[in-house]
């Protein structure tokens, strides 16, 4: 690949935004373009899997213009005990702004952990969250899982401490049917972005606690709104 062409298509673009079409994915692989990042994510494999996932998990997005088309942000959302909420949120982000979502919470186990990392997941470690945000990614951090999917769980204060200085976007993810059954499209409600208190620095535990409580409250309000105006 020529230097001019490489400069026009830097690796970080592959990692952060989706590749336009399967033919482009195949061409880049054949040219030896493997933009695997430090977490093990393979964006070309993500692009190959995305059409299948999008066809299975249907979503409707409210407030899509609040999702940034460029730059880092931390998406904080509710989550039940299953795995569909992060998948539905990833589908919504890709459809709304054409970006890949880095989901926090990869299990540290052989095979399953490796597959999850290839698909864009990162571990539940503050340092990893901070590195992903500095690289310009959209990172999804779930609140504590709850039996009731329409409840905002405990906020991840340690992870939010690592994300101070980055915009936080509250998101409500509402199942398309009871127990997460896909009877209807999943509802994704995106709230207004907000930032930590002025002057807060990364690692500030008090500022992180304030940010975490606000994130939980904002997600709870979005869930209430979804109950009042379903669909």
C-alpha atoms as a PDB file:
ATOM      1  CA  UNK A   1       0.000   0.000   0.000  1.00  0.00           C
ATOM      2  CA  UNK A   2       1.390   3.425  -0.945  1.00  0.00           C
ATOM      3  CA  UNK A   3       2.273   5.978   1.743  1.00  0.00           C
ATOM      4  CA  UNK A   4      -0.310   8.400   0.358  1.00  0.00           C
ATOM      5  CA  UNK A   5      -3.061   5.791   0.506  1.00  0.00           C
ATOM      6  CA  UNK A   6      -2.080   4.695   4.021  1.00  0.00           C
ATOM      7  CA  UNK A   7      -2.208   8.309   5.203  1.00  0.00           C
ATOM      8  CA  UNK A   8      -5.697   8.691   3.733  1.00  0.00           C
ATOM      9  CA  UNK A   9      -6.970   5.606   5.562  1.00  0.00           C
ATOM     10  CA  UNK A  10      -5.246   5.432   8.962  1.00  0.00           C
ATOM     11  CA  UNK A  11      -5.678   2.395  11.150  1.00  0.00           C
ATOM     12  CA  UNK A  12      -7.665   4.289  13.753  1.00  0.00           C
ATOM     13  CA  UNK A  13     -10.385   4.983  11.176  1.00  0.00           C
ATOM     14  CA  UNK A  14     -10.804   1.232  10.665  1.00  0.00           C
ATOM     15  CA  UNK A  15     -10.986   0.690  14.404  1.00  0.00           C
ATOM     16  CA  UNK A  16     -13.525   3.392  15.191  1.00  0.00           C
ATOM     17  CA  UNK A  17     -15.850   3.531  12.178  1.00  0.00           C
ATOM     18  CA  UNK A  18     -17.438   0.747  10.150  1.00  0.00           C
ATOM     19  CA  UNK A  19     -15.950  -0.435   6.859  1.00  0.00           C
ATOM     20  CA  UNK A  20     -18.175   0.410   3.845  1.00  0.00           C
ATOM     21  CA  UNK A  21     -19.253  -2.961   2.466  1.00  0.00           C
ATOM     22  CA  UNK A  22     -18.051  -6.557   2.478  1.00  0.00           C
ATOM     23  CA  UNK A  23     -16.063  -6.070  -0.732  1.00  0.00           C
ATOM     24  CA  UNK A  24     -14.003  -3.388   1.011  1.00  0.00           C
ATOM     25  CA  UNK A  25     -13.446  -5.705   3.986  1.00  0.00           C
ATOM     26  CA  UNK A  26     -12.197  -8.460   1.679  1.00  0.00           C
ATOM     27  CA  UNK A  27      -9.935  -6.073  -0.246  1.00  0.00           C
ATOM     28  CA  UNK A  28      -8.281  -4.751   2.907  1.00  0.00           C
ATOM     29  CA  UNK A  29      -7.675  -8.252   4.251  1.00  0.00           C
ATOM     30  CA  UNK A  30      -6.099  -9.347   0.968  1.00  0.00           C
ATOM     31  CA  UNK A  31      -3.822  -6.292   1.058  1.00  0.00           C
ATOM     32  CA  UNK A  32      -2.648  -7.304   4.519  1.00  0.00           C
ATOM     33  CA  UNK A  33      -4.568  -4.608   6.382  1.00  0.00           C
ATOM     34  CA  UNK A  34      -5.317  -6.132   9.822  1.00  0.00           C
ATOM     35  CA  UNK A  35      -6.100  -3.227  12.180  1.00  0.00           C
ATOM     36  CA  UNK A  36      -6.195  -5.343  15.363  1.00  0.00           C
ATOM     37  CA  UNK A  37      -5.922  -3.098  18.410  1.00  0.00           C
ATOM     38  CA  UNK A  38      -4.334  -3.686  21.808  1.00  0.00           C
ATOM     39  CA  UNK A  39      -7.550  -5.222  23.150  1.00  0.00           C
ATOM     40  CA  UNK A  40      -7.725  -7.809  20.365  1.00  0.00           C
ATOM     41  CA  UNK A  41     -10.633  -6.260  18.442  1.00  0.00           C
ATOM     42  CA  UNK A  42     -10.844  -7.211  14.771  1.00  0.00           C
ATOM     43  CA  UNK A  43     -13.002  -4.563  13.075  1.00  0.00           C
ATOM     44  CA  UNK A  44     -13.247  -6.453   9.792  1.00  0.00           C
ATOM     45  CA  UNK A  45     -14.712  -9.493  11.545  1.00  0.00           C
ATOM     46  CA  UNK A  46     -17.101  -7.140  13.342  1.00  0.00           C
ATOM     47  CA  UNK A  47     -18.242  -5.787   9.986  1.00  0.00           C
ATOM     48  CA  UNK A  48     -18.810  -9.309   8.663  1.00  0.00           C
ATOM     49  CA  UNK A  49     -20.877 -10.290  11.707  1.00  0.00           C
ATOM     50  CA  UNK A  50     -22.840  -7.016  11.913  1.00  0.00           C
ATOM     51  CA  UNK A  51     -25.405  -7.734   9.131  1.00  0.00           C
ATOM     52  CA  UNK A  52     -26.372 -11.016  10.789  1.00  0.00           C
ATOM     53  CA  UNK A  53     -26.779  -9.439  14.228  1.00  0.00           C
ATOM     54  CA  UNK A  54     -28.691  -6.474  12.796  1.00  0.00           C
ATOM     55  CA  UNK A  55     -31.115  -8.854  11.104  1.00  0.00           C
ATOM     56  CA  UNK A  56     -31.789 -10.738  14.341  1.00  0.00           C
ATOM     57  CA  UNK A  57     -31.877  -7.890  16.872  1.00  0.00           C
ATOM     58  CA  UNK A  58     -34.318  -5.203  15.741  1.00  0.00           C
ATOM     59  CA  UNK A  59     -34.064  -1.761  17.336  1.00  0.00           C
ATOM     60  CA  UNK A  60     -35.820   1.606  17.308  1.00  0.00           C
ATOM     61  CA  UNK A  61     -33.727   4.601  18.341  1.00  0.00           C
ATOM     62  CA  UNK A  62     -34.997   7.743  20.064  1.00  0.00           C
ATOM     63  CA  UNK A  63     -32.573  10.644  20.391  1.00  0.00           C
ATOM     64  CA  UNK A  64     -30.059   9.346  17.851  1.00  0.00           C
ATOM     65  CA  UNK A  65     -28.650  12.864  17.092  1.00  0.00           C
ATOM     66  CA  UNK A  66     -27.229  12.889  20.635  1.00  0.00           C
ATOM     67  CA  UNK A  67     -24.762  10.152  19.686  1.00  0.00           C
ATOM     68  CA  UNK A  68     -21.450  11.661  18.494  1.00  0.00           C
ATOM     69  CA  UNK A  69     -20.240  10.868  15.003  1.00  0.00           C
ATOM     70  CA  UNK A  70     -16.640  11.395  16.091  1.00  0.00           C
ATOM     71  CA  UNK A  71     -14.685  11.488  19.314  1.00  0.00           C
ATOM     72  CA  UNK A  72     -14.870   9.623  22.593  1.00  0.00           C
ATOM     73  CA  UNK A  73     -17.930   9.272  24.819  1.00  0.00           C
ATOM     74  CA  UNK A  74     -19.061   6.952  27.591  1.00  0.00           C
ATOM     75  CA  UNK A  75     -22.522   5.427  27.173  1.00  0.00           C
ATOM     76  CA  UNK A  76     -24.069   4.360  30.488  1.00  0.00           C
ATOM     77  CA  UNK A  77     -27.109   2.102  30.214  1.00  0.00           C
ATOM     78  CA  UNK A  78     -29.313  -0.266  32.179  1.00  0.00           C
ATOM     79  CA  UNK A  79     -28.891  -4.000  31.833  1.00  0.00           C
ATOM     80  CA  UNK A  80     -30.752  -7.153  32.732  1.00  0.00           C
ATOM     81  CA  UNK A  81     -29.106 -10.493  33.444  1.00  0.00           C
ATOM     82  CA  UNK A  82     -28.894 -11.435  29.771  1.00  0.00           C
ATOM     83  CA  UNK A  83     -26.555 -10.336  26.994  1.00  0.00           C
ATOM     84  CA  UNK A  84     -29.011  -8.734  24.591  1.00  0.00           C
ATOM     85  CA  UNK A  85     -28.914  -5.159  25.927  1.00  0.00           C
ATOM     86  CA  UNK A  86     -25.272  -4.545  24.916  1.00  0.00           C
ATOM     87  CA  UNK A  87     -25.918  -6.157  21.533  1.00  0.00           C
ATOM     88  CA  UNK A  88     -29.036  -4.033  20.928  1.00  0.00           C
ATOM     89  CA  UNK A  89     -27.123  -0.898  21.914  1.00  0.00           C
ATOM     90  CA  UNK A  90     -24.277  -1.803  19.553  1.00  0.00           C
ATOM     91  CA  UNK A  91     -26.746  -2.294  16.690  1.00  0.00           C
ATOM     92  CA  UNK A  92     -28.353   1.077  17.450  1.00  0.00           C
ATOM     93  CA  UNK A  93     -25.009   2.907  17.506  1.00  0.00           C
ATOM     94  CA  UNK A  94     -23.878   1.358  14.241  1.00  0.00           C
ATOM     95  CA  UNK A  95     -27.173   2.192  12.554  1.00  0.00           C
ATOM     96  CA  UNK A  96     -27.358   5.750  13.902  1.00  0.00           C
ATOM     97  CA  UNK A  97     -23.784   6.989  13.448  1.00  0.00           C
ATOM     98  CA  UNK A  98     -21.906   4.194  11.646  1.00  0.00           C
ATOM     99  CA  UNK A  99     -19.537   3.562  14.559  1.00  0.00           C
ATOM    100  CA  UNK A 100     -18.464   0.494  16.484  1.00  0.00           C
ATOM    101  CA  UNK A 101     -19.213   0.273  20.188  1.00  0.00           C
ATOM    102  CA  UNK A 102     -16.682  -0.980  22.735  1.00  0.00           C
ATOM    103  CA  UNK A 103     -18.671  -2.815  25.411  1.00  0.00           C
ATOM    104  CA  UNK A 104     -17.141  -3.167  28.876  1.00  0.00           C
ATOM    105  CA  UNK A 105     -17.398  -6.490  30.688  1.00  0.00           C
ATOM    106  CA  UNK A 106     -15.513  -9.148  28.697  1.00  0.00           C
ATOM    107  CA  UNK A 107     -15.131 -12.304  30.840  1.00  0.00           C
ATOM    108  CA  UNK A 108     -11.527 -13.213  31.557  1.00  0.00           C
ATOM    109  CA  UNK A 109     -11.887 -16.813  30.373  1.00  0.00           C
ATOM    110  CA  UNK A 110     -10.362 -18.728  27.442  1.00  0.00           C
ATOM    111  CA  UNK A 111     -12.186 -18.870  24.090  1.00  0.00           C
ATOM    112  CA  UNK A 112     -15.276 -16.908  25.143  1.00  0.00           C
ATOM    113  CA  UNK A 113     -13.204 -13.959  26.291  1.00  0.00           C
ATOM    114  CA  UNK A 114     -11.120 -14.069  23.103  1.00  0.00           C
ATOM    115  CA  UNK A 115     -14.216 -14.095  20.878  1.00  0.00           C
ATOM    116  CA  UNK A 116     -15.773 -11.218  22.819  1.00  0.00           C
ATOM    117  CA  UNK A 117     -12.604  -9.162  22.458  1.00  0.00           C
ATOM    118  CA  UNK A 118     -12.473  -9.778  18.707  1.00  0.00           C
ATOM    119  CA  UNK A 119     -16.027  -8.451  18.503  1.00  0.00           C
ATOM    120  CA  UNK A 120     -15.055  -5.256  20.315  1.00  0.00           C
ATOM    121  CA  UNK A 121     -15.461  -6.015  24.012  1.00  0.00           C
ATOM    122  CA  UNK A 122     -13.017  -4.805  26.633  1.00  0.00           C
ATOM    123  CA  UNK A 123     -12.424  -5.921  30.191  1.00  0.00           C
ATOM    124  CA  UNK A 124     -13.963  -4.418  33.310  1.00  0.00           C
ATOM    125  CA  UNK A 125     -10.796  -2.536  34.212  1.00  0.00           C
ATOM    126  CA  UNK A 126     -10.483   1.232  34.701  1.00  0.00           C
ATOM    127  CA  UNK A 127      -7.184   1.388  32.798  1.00  0.00           C
ATOM    128  CA  UNK A 128      -8.683  -0.320  29.754  1.00  0.00           C
ATOM    129  CA  UNK A 129     -11.668   2.037  29.768  1.00  0.00           C
ATOM    130  CA  UNK A 130      -9.363   5.061  29.990  1.00  0.00           C
ATOM    131  CA  UNK A 131      -7.178   3.818  27.122  1.00  0.00           C
ATOM    132  CA  UNK A 132     -10.178   3.135  24.868  1.00  0.00           C
ATOM    133  CA  UNK A 133     -11.576   6.615  25.517  1.00  0.00           C
ATOM    134  CA  UNK A 134      -8.217   8.274  24.842  1.00  0.00           C
ATOM    135  CA  UNK A 135      -8.171   6.449  21.497  1.00  0.00           C
ATOM    136  CA  UNK A 136     -11.490   8.106  20.571  1.00  0.00           C
ATOM    137  CA  UNK A 137     -13.856   5.155  20.950  1.00  0.00           C
ATOM    138  CA  UNK A 138     -17.475   5.029  22.020  1.00  0.00           C
ATOM    139  CA  UNK A 139     -17.456   2.898  25.179  1.00  0.00           C
ATOM    140  CA  UNK A 140     -20.561   1.330  26.719  1.00  0.00           C
ATOM    141  CA  UNK A 141     -20.556   0.770  30.482  1.00  0.00           C
ATOM    142  CA  UNK A 142     -23.628  -0.976  31.914  1.00  0.00           C
ATOM    143  CA  UNK A 143     -25.120  -0.214  35.283  1.00  0.00           C
ATOM    144  CA  UNK A 144     -25.284  -3.184  37.627  1.00  0.00           C
ATOM    145  CA  UNK A 145     -27.475  -5.982  36.178  1.00  0.00           C
ATOM    146  CA  UNK A 146     -30.955  -6.345  37.659  1.00  0.00           C
ATOM    147  CA  UNK A 147     -33.665  -8.987  37.492  1.00  0.00           C
ATOM    148  CA  UNK A 148     -36.076  -6.284  36.336  1.00  0.00           C
ATOM    149  CA  UNK A 149     -34.818  -4.976  33.012  1.00  0.00           C
ATOM    150  CA  UNK A 150     -36.590  -1.631  33.483  1.00  0.00           C
ATOM    151  CA  UNK A 151     -34.651  -0.692  36.600  1.00  0.00           C
ATOM    152  CA  UNK A 152     -31.425   1.331  36.727  1.00  0.00           C
ATOM    153  CA  UNK A 153     -28.879  -0.715  38.682  1.00  0.00           C
ATOM    154  CA  UNK A 154     -25.835   0.253  40.707  1.00  0.00           C
ATOM    155  CA  UNK A 155     -23.491   2.646  38.827  1.00  0.00           C
ATOM    156  CA  UNK A 156     -19.876   1.576  38.166  1.00  0.00           C
ATOM    157  CA  UNK A 157     -18.100   4.324  40.140  1.00  0.00           C
ATOM    158  CA  UNK A 158     -14.590   2.951  39.590  1.00  0.00           C
ATOM    159  CA  UNK A 159     -15.004   2.949  35.814  1.00  0.00           C
ATOM    160  CA  UNK A 160     -16.558   6.407  35.813  1.00  0.00           C
ATOM    161  CA  UNK A 161     -13.577   7.686  37.781  1.00  0.00           C
ATOM    162  CA  UNK A 162     -11.377   6.556  34.888  1.00  0.00           C
ATOM    163  CA  UNK A 163     -13.648   8.350  32.413  1.00  0.00           C
ATOM    164  CA  UNK A 164     -13.685  11.804  34.018  1.00  0.00           C
ATOM    165  CA  UNK A 165     -13.187  14.450  31.355  1.00  0.00           C
ATOM    166  CA  UNK A 166     -15.154  12.444  28.767  1.00  0.00           C
ATOM    167  CA  UNK A 167     -18.800  13.194  27.884  1.00  0.00           C
ATOM    168  CA  UNK A 168     -21.255  10.762  29.496  1.00  0.00           C
ATOM    169  CA  UNK A 169     -24.403   9.786  27.603  1.00  0.00           C
ATOM    170  CA  UNK A 170     -27.229   8.054  29.518  1.00  0.00           C
ATOM    171  CA  UNK A 171     -29.096   5.406  27.529  1.00  0.00           C
ATOM    172  CA  UNK A 172     -32.193   3.347  28.318  1.00  0.00           C
ATOM    173  CA  UNK A 173     -32.478  -0.044  26.633  1.00  0.00           C
ATOM    174  CA  UNK A 174     -35.992  -1.507  26.761  1.00  0.00           C
ATOM    175  CA  UNK A 175     -36.759  -5.075  25.717  1.00  0.00           C
ATOM    176  CA  UNK A 176     -39.074  -5.750  22.794  1.00  0.00           C
ATOM    177  CA  UNK A 177     -41.082  -8.263  24.793  1.00  0.00           C
ATOM    178  CA  UNK A 178     -41.265 -10.004  28.171  1.00  0.00           C
ATOM    179  CA  UNK A 179     -37.988 -11.578  29.337  1.00  0.00           C
ATOM    180  CA  UNK A 180     -36.225  -9.952  26.406  1.00  0.00           C
ATOM    181  CA  UNK A 181     -38.167 -11.888  23.770  1.00  0.00           C
ATOM    182  CA  UNK A 182     -37.921 -10.210  20.333  1.00  0.00           C
ATOM    183  CA  UNK A 183     -41.684  -9.713  19.837  1.00  0.00           C
ATOM    184  CA  UNK A 184     -41.131  -6.056  18.969  1.00  0.00           C
ATOM    185  CA  UNK A 185     -38.033  -3.986  18.258  1.00  0.00           C
ATOM    186  CA  UNK A 186     -35.895  -3.077  21.262  1.00  0.00           C
ATOM    187  CA  UNK A 187     -36.307   0.577  22.257  1.00  0.00           C
ATOM    188  CA  UNK A 188     -33.090   2.590  22.626  1.00  0.00           C
ATOM    189  CA  UNK A 189     -33.586   6.002  24.251  1.00  0.00           C
ATOM    190  CA  UNK A 190     -30.546   8.270  24.210  1.00  0.00           C
ATOM    191  CA  UNK A 191     -30.382  11.069  26.784  1.00  0.00           C
ATOM    192  CA  UNK A 192     -28.591  14.400  26.796  1.00  0.00           C
ATOM    193  CA  UNK A 193     -24.794  14.175  27.179  1.00  0.00           C
ATOM    194  CA  UNK A 194     -23.271  15.691  30.305  1.00  0.00           C
ATOM    195  CA  UNK A 195     -19.833  16.101  31.857  1.00  0.00           C
ATOM    196  CA  UNK A 196     -18.228  15.746  35.277  1.00  0.00           C
ATOM    197  CA  UNK A 197     -18.193  18.757  37.603  1.00  0.00           C
ATOM    198  CA  UNK A 198     -15.864  21.495  36.415  1.00  0.00           C
ATOM    199  CA  UNK A 199     -12.275  21.015  37.538  1.00  0.00           C
ATOM    200  CA  UNK A 200     -12.642  17.263  38.132  1.00  0.00           C
ATOM    201  CA  UNK A 201      -9.598  15.212  37.157  1.00  0.00           C
ATOM    202  CA  UNK A 202      -9.395  11.559  36.185  1.00  0.00           C
ATOM    203  CA  UNK A 203      -9.373   9.379  39.289  1.00  0.00           C
ATOM    204  CA  UNK A 204     -11.219  11.909  41.509  1.00  0.00           C
ATOM    205  CA  UNK A 205     -13.398   9.582  43.622  1.00  0.00           C
ATOM    206  CA  UNK A 206     -15.799  12.294  44.844  1.00  0.00           C
ATOM    207  CA  UNK A 207     -16.417  13.645  41.346  1.00  0.00           C
ATOM    208  CA  UNK A 208     -16.833  10.071  40.093  1.00  0.00           C
ATOM    209  CA  UNK A 209     -19.466   9.384  42.769  1.00  0.00           C
ATOM    210  CA  UNK A 210     -21.418  12.493  41.721  1.00  0.00           C
ATOM    211  CA  UNK A 211     -21.118  11.539  38.066  1.00  0.00           C
ATOM    212  CA  UNK A 212     -22.189   7.957  38.770  1.00  0.00           C
ATOM    213  CA  UNK A 213     -25.300   9.014  40.690  1.00  0.00           C
ATOM    214  CA  UNK A 214     -26.288  11.450  37.983  1.00  0.00           C
ATOM    215  CA  UNK A 215     -25.831   8.785  35.315  1.00  0.00           C
ATOM    216  CA  UNK A 216     -28.019   6.340  37.275  1.00  0.00           C
ATOM    217  CA  UNK A 217     -30.704   8.991  37.789  1.00  0.00           C
ATOM    218  CA  UNK A 218     -30.686   9.986  34.108  1.00  0.00           C
ATOM    219  CA  UNK A 219     -31.052   6.358  32.991  1.00  0.00           C
ATOM    220  CA  UNK A 220     -33.891   5.874  35.495  1.00  0.00           C
ATOM    221  CA  UNK A 221     -35.688   8.925  34.050  1.00  0.00           C
ATOM    222  CA  UNK A 222     -35.289   7.562  30.523  1.00  0.00           C
ATOM    223  CA  UNK A 223     -36.724   4.218  31.630  1.00  0.00           C
ATOM    224  CA  UNK A 224     -39.713   6.015  33.169  1.00  0.00           C
ATOM    225  CA  UNK A 225     -40.191   7.897  29.909  1.00  0.00           C
ATOM    226  CA  UNK A 226     -40.104   4.628  27.994  1.00  0.00           C
ATOM    227  CA  UNK A 227     -42.840   3.222  30.260  1.00  0.00           C
ATOM    228  CA  UNK A 228     -44.994   6.289  29.728  1.00  0.00           C
ATOM    229  CA  UNK A 229     -44.473   6.340  25.967  1.00  0.00           C
ATOM    230  CA  UNK A 230     -43.785   2.769  24.796  1.00  0.00           C
ATOM    231  CA  UNK A 231     -42.735   2.349  21.191  1.00  0.00           C
END
